C-alpha atoms as a PDB file:
ATOM      1  CA  MET A   1     -19.940  -1.506 -26.970  1.00  0.00           C
ATOM      2  CA  LEU A   2     -23.197  -0.731 -29.656  1.00  0.00           C
ATOM      3  CA  ARG A   3     -25.389  -3.180 -26.901  1.00  0.00           C
ATOM      4  CA  SER A   4     -25.539  -0.271 -23.988  1.00  0.00           C
ATOM      5  CA  LEU A   5     -25.369   2.354 -26.479  1.00  0.00           C
ATOM      6  CA  LEU A   6     -28.840   0.792 -27.597  1.00  0.00           C
ATOM      7  CA  ALA A   7     -29.598   0.149 -24.297  1.00  0.00           C
ATOM      8  CA  LEU A   8     -28.850   3.868 -23.201  1.00  0.00           C
ATOM      9  CA  ARG A   9     -30.845   5.043 -26.267  1.00  0.00           C
ATOM     10  CA  GLN A  10     -33.904   3.423 -25.243  1.00  0.00           C
ATOM     11  CA  ILE A  11     -33.955   4.491 -21.631  1.00  0.00           C
ATOM     12  CA  ALA A  12     -33.058   8.250 -23.160  1.00  0.00           C
ATOM     13  CA  GLN A  13     -36.041   7.861 -24.823  1.00  0.00           C
ATOM     14  CA  ARG A  14     -38.933   6.579 -22.414  1.00  0.00           C
ATOM     15  CA  THR A  15     -40.976   8.758 -21.564  1.00  0.00           C
ATOM     16  CA  ILE A  16     -41.514   9.664 -17.745  1.00  0.00           C
ATOM     17  CA  SER A  17     -44.698   9.381 -15.817  1.00  0.00           C
ATOM     18  CA  THR A  18     -46.196  11.706 -13.950  1.00  0.00           C
ATOM     19  CA  ALA A  19     -49.195   9.747 -12.573  1.00  0.00           C
ATOM     20  CA  SER A  20     -47.348   7.006 -10.571  1.00  0.00           C
ATOM     21  CA  ARG A  21     -46.051  10.184  -8.412  1.00  0.00           C
ATOM     22  CA  ARG A  22     -46.359  10.254  -4.922  1.00  0.00           C
ATOM     23  CA  GLN A  23     -48.228  13.065  -3.628  1.00  0.00           C
ATOM     24  CA  PHE A  24     -46.592  14.980  -0.813  1.00  0.00           C
ATOM     25  CA  GLU A  25     -48.238  16.519   2.179  1.00  0.00           C
ATOM     26  CA  ASN A  26     -47.510  20.309   2.313  1.00  0.00           C
ATOM     27  CA  LYS A  27     -45.953  21.428   5.827  1.00  0.00           C
ATOM     28  CA  VAL A  28     -43.918  24.634   4.930  1.00  0.00           C
ATOM     29  CA  PRO A  29     -47.500  26.783   6.561  1.00  0.00           C
ATOM     30  CA  GLU A  30     -46.427  24.777   9.619  1.00  0.00           C
ATOM     31  CA  LYS A  31     -43.341  25.788   8.979  1.00  0.00           C
ATOM     32  CA  GLN A  32     -44.271  29.078   8.802  1.00  0.00           C
ATOM     33  CA  LYS A  33     -46.096  28.939  11.714  1.00  0.00           C
ATOM     34  CA  LEU A  34     -43.243  27.914  13.588  1.00  0.00           C
ATOM     35  CA  PHE A  35     -40.758  29.466  12.600  1.00  0.00           C
ATOM     36  CA  GLN A  36     -42.989  33.515  13.361  1.00  0.00           C
ATOM     37  CA  GLU A  37     -44.142  32.015  16.507  1.00  0.00           C
ATOM     38  CA  ASP A  38     -42.875  34.813  18.945  1.00  0.00           C
ATOM     39  CA  ASN A  39     -41.384  32.567  21.933  1.00  0.00           C
ATOM     40  CA  GLY A  40     -38.165  34.448  22.359  1.00  0.00           C
ATOM     41  CA  ILE A  41     -36.344  31.550  20.445  1.00  0.00           C
ATOM     42  CA  PRO A  42     -33.343  32.001  17.437  1.00  0.00           C
ATOM     43  CA  VAL A  43     -34.178  31.483  14.681  1.00  0.00           C
ATOM     44  CA  HIS A  44     -31.134  29.246  13.944  1.00  0.00           C
ATOM     45  CA  LEU A  45     -32.842  27.781  16.939  1.00  0.00           C
ATOM     46  CA  LYS A  46     -36.167  26.591  16.345  1.00  0.00           C
ATOM     47  CA  GLY A  47     -35.801  23.694  14.113  1.00  0.00           C
ATOM     48  CA  GLY A  48     -35.365  21.482  17.226  1.00  0.00           C
ATOM     49  CA  ILE A  49     -32.690  19.221  18.742  1.00  0.00           C
ATOM     50  CA  ALA A  50     -30.987  18.805  15.582  1.00  0.00           C
ATOM     51  CA  ASP A  51     -30.632  22.272  15.231  1.00  0.00           C
ATOM     52  CA  ALA A  52     -29.601  22.706  18.930  1.00  0.00           C
ATOM     53  CA  LEU A  53     -26.957  20.415  18.171  1.00  0.00           C
ATOM     54  CA  LEU A  54     -25.656  21.903  15.191  1.00  0.00           C
ATOM     55  CA  TYR A  55     -24.838  24.866  16.327  1.00  0.00           C
ATOM     56  CA  ARG A  56     -23.403  23.782  19.276  1.00  0.00           C
ATOM     57  CA  ALA A  57     -20.743  21.536  17.041  1.00  0.00           C
ATOM     58  CA  THR A  58     -19.754  24.813  15.958  1.00  0.00           C
ATOM     59  CA  MET A  59     -19.431  27.148  18.552  1.00  0.00           C
ATOM     60  CA  ILE A  60     -16.632  23.964  19.792  1.00  0.00           C
ATOM     61  CA  LEU A  61     -15.589  24.490  16.415  1.00  0.00           C
ATOM     62  CA  THR A  62     -14.926  27.906  15.877  1.00  0.00           C
ATOM     63  CA  VAL A  63     -13.954  29.297  19.607  1.00  0.00           C
ATOM     64  CA  GLY A  64     -11.505  25.531  19.993  1.00  0.00           C
ATOM     65  CA  GLY A  65     -10.097  26.539  16.207  1.00  0.00           C
ATOM     66  CA  ALA A  66      -9.566  30.585  17.043  1.00  0.00           C
ATOM     67  CA  ALA A  67      -8.108  28.950  20.600  1.00  0.00           C
ATOM     68  CA  TYR A  68      -5.322  26.907  18.653  1.00  0.00           C
ATOM     69  CA  SER A  69      -5.042  29.461  15.934  1.00  0.00           C
ATOM     70  CA  MET A  70      -3.823  31.200  18.935  1.00  0.00           C
ATOM     71  CA  TYR A  71      -1.314  29.325  21.051  1.00  0.00           C
ATOM     72  CA  GLN A  72      -0.188  28.234  16.990  1.00  0.00           C
ATOM     73  CA  LEU A  73       0.845  31.825  16.588  1.00  0.00           C
ATOM     74  CA  ALA A  74       2.290  32.677  20.026  1.00  0.00           C
ATOM     75  CA  VAL A  75       4.744  29.380  19.422  1.00  0.00           C
ATOM     76  CA  ALA A  76       5.635  30.879  16.339  1.00  0.00           C
ATOM     77  CA  SER A  77       6.123  34.394  17.968  1.00  0.00           C
ATOM     78  CA  PHE A  78       8.967  33.020  20.282  1.00  0.00           C
ATOM     79  CA  PRO A  79      11.241  30.453  18.617  1.00  0.00           C
ATOM     80  CA  LYS A  80      13.382  28.422  20.341  1.00  0.00           C
ATOM     81  CA  LYS A  81      16.771  29.297  21.582  1.00  0.00           C
ATOM     82  CA  GLN A  82      19.585  27.690  19.663  1.00  0.00           C
ATOM     83  CA  GLY A  83      22.061  25.468  21.984  1.00  0.00           C
END
């Protein structure tokens, strides 16, 4: 127990070095150019194929869920007749 507390204390006292961080390329201007381009594509689909797949999956789940809820509402509104 004491050993783990000492190890935790040692880790907490270490300073974070900024020299070892990787430098990432700034891709914001490229993305801004892509999303501001006037090419008739809706902004929620400009990200590529992944955006299109997510959009279609969302639409399928939404329409399917709405249809299923209407079906369940219809089933519940017409109860089965008793013998």
